[in-house]
Amino acid sequence: MRMLGPIIMRITAVFLYSAMAVIGGASLIAPEIPAHQAAMLAGISAAAHVIEKLARAYADDGKITLEELNAAFNPSAIDHHHDEE
């Protein structure tokens, strides 16, 4: 449980940097979509992807190693679960 605080902070960071990356692009590509809605969609989607990776790692063996934790937050990490499907 001591990792819960840092995990929540890292998920918040993923949400924020994903949302911020979309604000400018959304205003250029689809100005009819409010920037805050595009940012919320991007942030929620990115955070959900990280949470899914953490849930998959936990489902494997009932624990999350530091390696699995760091891989969940690394967008370039290979997802071996999707390779098996």
C-alpha atoms as a PDB file:
ATOM      1  CA  MET A   1       0.000   0.000   0.000  1.00  0.00           C
ATOM      2  CA  ARG A   2       2.960   2.361   0.377  1.00  0.00           C
ATOM      3  CA  MET A   3       3.145   2.529  -3.419  1.00  0.00           C
ATOM      4  CA  LEU A   4      -0.456   3.760  -3.760  1.00  0.00           C
ATOM      5  CA  GLY A   5       0.378   7.460  -3.363  1.00  0.00           C
ATOM      6  CA  PRO A   6       3.150   7.476  -5.992  1.00  0.00           C
ATOM      7  CA  ILE A   7       0.988   5.400  -8.359  1.00  0.00           C
ATOM      8  CA  ILE A   8      -1.892   7.880  -8.087  1.00  0.00           C
ATOM      9  CA  MET A   9       0.506  10.785  -8.652  1.00  0.00           C
ATOM     10  CA  ARG A  10       1.987   9.079 -11.724  1.00  0.00           C
ATOM     11  CA  ILE A  11      -1.481   8.375 -13.147  1.00  0.00           C
ATOM     12  CA  THR A  12      -2.338  12.039 -12.588  1.00  0.00           C
ATOM     13  CA  ALA A  13       0.833  13.035 -14.444  1.00  0.00           C
ATOM     14  CA  VAL A  14      -0.098  10.750 -17.376  1.00  0.00           C
ATOM     15  CA  PHE A  15      -3.552  12.326 -17.449  1.00  0.00           C
ATOM     16  CA  LEU A  16      -2.132  15.847 -17.442  1.00  0.00           C
ATOM     17  CA  TYR A  17       0.566  15.421 -20.061  1.00  0.00           C
ATOM     18  CA  SER A  18      -1.800  13.554 -22.367  1.00  0.00           C
ATOM     19  CA  ALA A  19      -4.482  16.195 -21.955  1.00  0.00           C
ATOM     20  CA  MET A  20      -2.059  19.065 -22.509  1.00  0.00           C
ATOM     21  CA  ALA A  21      -0.689  17.467 -25.669  1.00  0.00           C
ATOM     22  CA  VAL A  22      -4.158  17.382 -27.223  1.00  0.00           C
ATOM     23  CA  ILE A  23      -5.357  20.900 -26.442  1.00  0.00           C
ATOM     24  CA  GLY A  24      -3.448  22.647 -29.223  1.00  0.00           C
ATOM     25  CA  GLY A  25      -4.034  19.965 -31.822  1.00  0.00           C
ATOM     26  CA  ALA A  26      -7.738  19.745 -31.132  1.00  0.00           C
ATOM     27  CA  SER A  27      -8.192  23.459 -31.604  1.00  0.00           C
ATOM     28  CA  LEU A  28      -6.467  23.287 -34.990  1.00  0.00           C
ATOM     29  CA  ILE A  29      -8.014  20.080 -36.313  1.00  0.00           C
ATOM     30  CA  ALA A  30     -11.562  20.337 -34.973  1.00  0.00           C
ATOM     31  CA  PRO A  31     -12.300  23.818 -33.654  1.00  0.00           C
ATOM     32  CA  GLU A  32     -15.951  22.861 -33.086  1.00  0.00           C
ATOM     33  CA  ILE A  33     -14.854  20.491 -30.283  1.00  0.00           C
ATOM     34  CA  PRO A  34     -14.213  22.433 -27.076  1.00  0.00           C
ATOM     35  CA  ALA A  35     -10.560  22.137 -26.017  1.00  0.00           C
ATOM     36  CA  HIS A  36     -11.487  21.055 -22.485  1.00  0.00           C
ATOM     37  CA  GLN A  37     -13.554  18.146 -23.823  1.00  0.00           C
ATOM     38  CA  ALA A  38     -10.744  16.978 -26.100  1.00  0.00           C
ATOM     39  CA  ALA A  39      -8.274  17.260 -23.210  1.00  0.00           C
ATOM     40  CA  MET A  40     -10.550  15.275 -20.880  1.00  0.00           C
ATOM     41  CA  LEU A  41     -10.952  12.532 -23.476  1.00  0.00           C
ATOM     42  CA  ALA A  42      -7.202  12.281 -24.049  1.00  0.00           C
ATOM     43  CA  GLY A  43      -6.386  12.314 -20.333  1.00  0.00           C
ATOM     44  CA  ILE A  44      -9.004   9.737 -19.385  1.00  0.00           C
ATOM     45  CA  SER A  45      -7.967   7.476 -22.251  1.00  0.00           C
ATOM     46  CA  ALA A  46      -4.276   7.616 -21.296  1.00  0.00           C
ATOM     47  CA  ALA A  47      -4.971   7.046 -17.595  1.00  0.00           C
ATOM     48  CA  ALA A  48      -7.288   4.133 -18.388  1.00  0.00           C
ATOM     49  CA  HIS A  49      -4.563   2.541 -20.519  1.00  0.00           C
ATOM     50  CA  VAL A  50      -2.094   2.693 -17.606  1.00  0.00           C
ATOM     51  CA  ILE A  51      -4.689   1.330 -15.158  1.00  0.00           C
ATOM     52  CA  GLU A  52      -5.426  -1.526 -17.580  1.00  0.00           C
ATOM     53  CA  LYS A  53      -1.720  -2.435 -17.726  1.00  0.00           C
ATOM     54  CA  LEU A  54      -1.504  -2.407 -13.921  1.00  0.00           C
ATOM     55  CA  ALA A  55      -4.634  -4.566 -13.625  1.00  0.00           C
ATOM     56  CA  ARG A  56      -3.239  -7.084 -16.122  1.00  0.00           C
ATOM     57  CA  ALA A  57       0.040  -7.275 -14.210  1.00  0.00           C
ATOM     58  CA  TYR A  58      -1.822  -7.797 -10.935  1.00  0.00           C
ATOM     59  CA  ALA A  59      -4.110 -10.432 -12.451  1.00  0.00           C
ATOM     60  CA  ASP A  60      -1.108 -12.495 -13.559  1.00  0.00           C
ATOM     61  CA  ASP A  61       0.161 -13.340 -10.080  1.00  0.00           C
ATOM     62  CA  GLY A  62      -1.571 -11.131  -7.513  1.00  0.00           C
ATOM     63  CA  LYS A  63       1.265  -8.643  -7.207  1.00  0.00           C
ATOM     64  CA  ILE A  64       2.834  -5.800  -9.146  1.00  0.00           C
ATOM     65  CA  THR A  65       6.615  -5.715  -9.335  1.00  0.00           C
ATOM     66  CA  LEU A  66       8.558  -2.483  -9.693  1.00  0.00           C
ATOM     67  CA  GLU A  67       9.435  -3.544 -13.249  1.00  0.00           C
ATOM     68  CA  GLU A  68       5.742  -4.063 -14.104  1.00  0.00           C
ATOM     69  CA  LEU A  69       4.871  -0.741 -12.482  1.00  0.00           C
ATOM     70  CA  ASN A  70       7.468   1.167 -14.471  1.00  0.00           C
ATOM     71  CA  ALA A  71       6.502  -0.645 -17.692  1.00  0.00           C
ATOM     72  CA  ALA A  72       2.854   0.385 -17.227  1.00  0.00           C
ATOM     73  CA  PHE A  73       3.891   4.046 -17.289  1.00  0.00           C
ATOM     74  CA  ASN A  74       6.266   3.664 -20.228  1.00  0.00           C
ATOM     75  CA  PRO A  75       4.385   4.283 -23.476  1.00  0.00           C
ATOM     76  CA  SER A  76       7.083   2.518 -25.494  1.00  0.00           C
ATOM     77  CA  ALA A  77       7.104  -0.630 -23.347  1.00  0.00           C
ATOM     78  CA  ILE A  78       6.140  -3.808 -25.142  1.00  0.00           C
ATOM     79  CA  ASP A  79       2.806  -5.214 -23.975  1.00  0.00           C
ATOM     80  CA  HIS A  80       3.319  -8.977 -24.062  1.00  0.00           C
ATOM     81  CA  HIS A  81      -0.340  -9.638 -23.224  1.00  0.00           C
ATOM     82  CA  HIS A  82      -1.512  -8.177 -26.501  1.00  0.00           C
ATOM     83  CA  ASP A  83       1.125 -10.171 -28.409  1.00  0.00           C
ATOM     84  CA  GLU A  84      -0.453 -13.409 -27.184  1.00  0.00           C
ATOM     85  CA  GLU A  85      -3.932 -12.540 -28.458  1.00  0.00           C
END
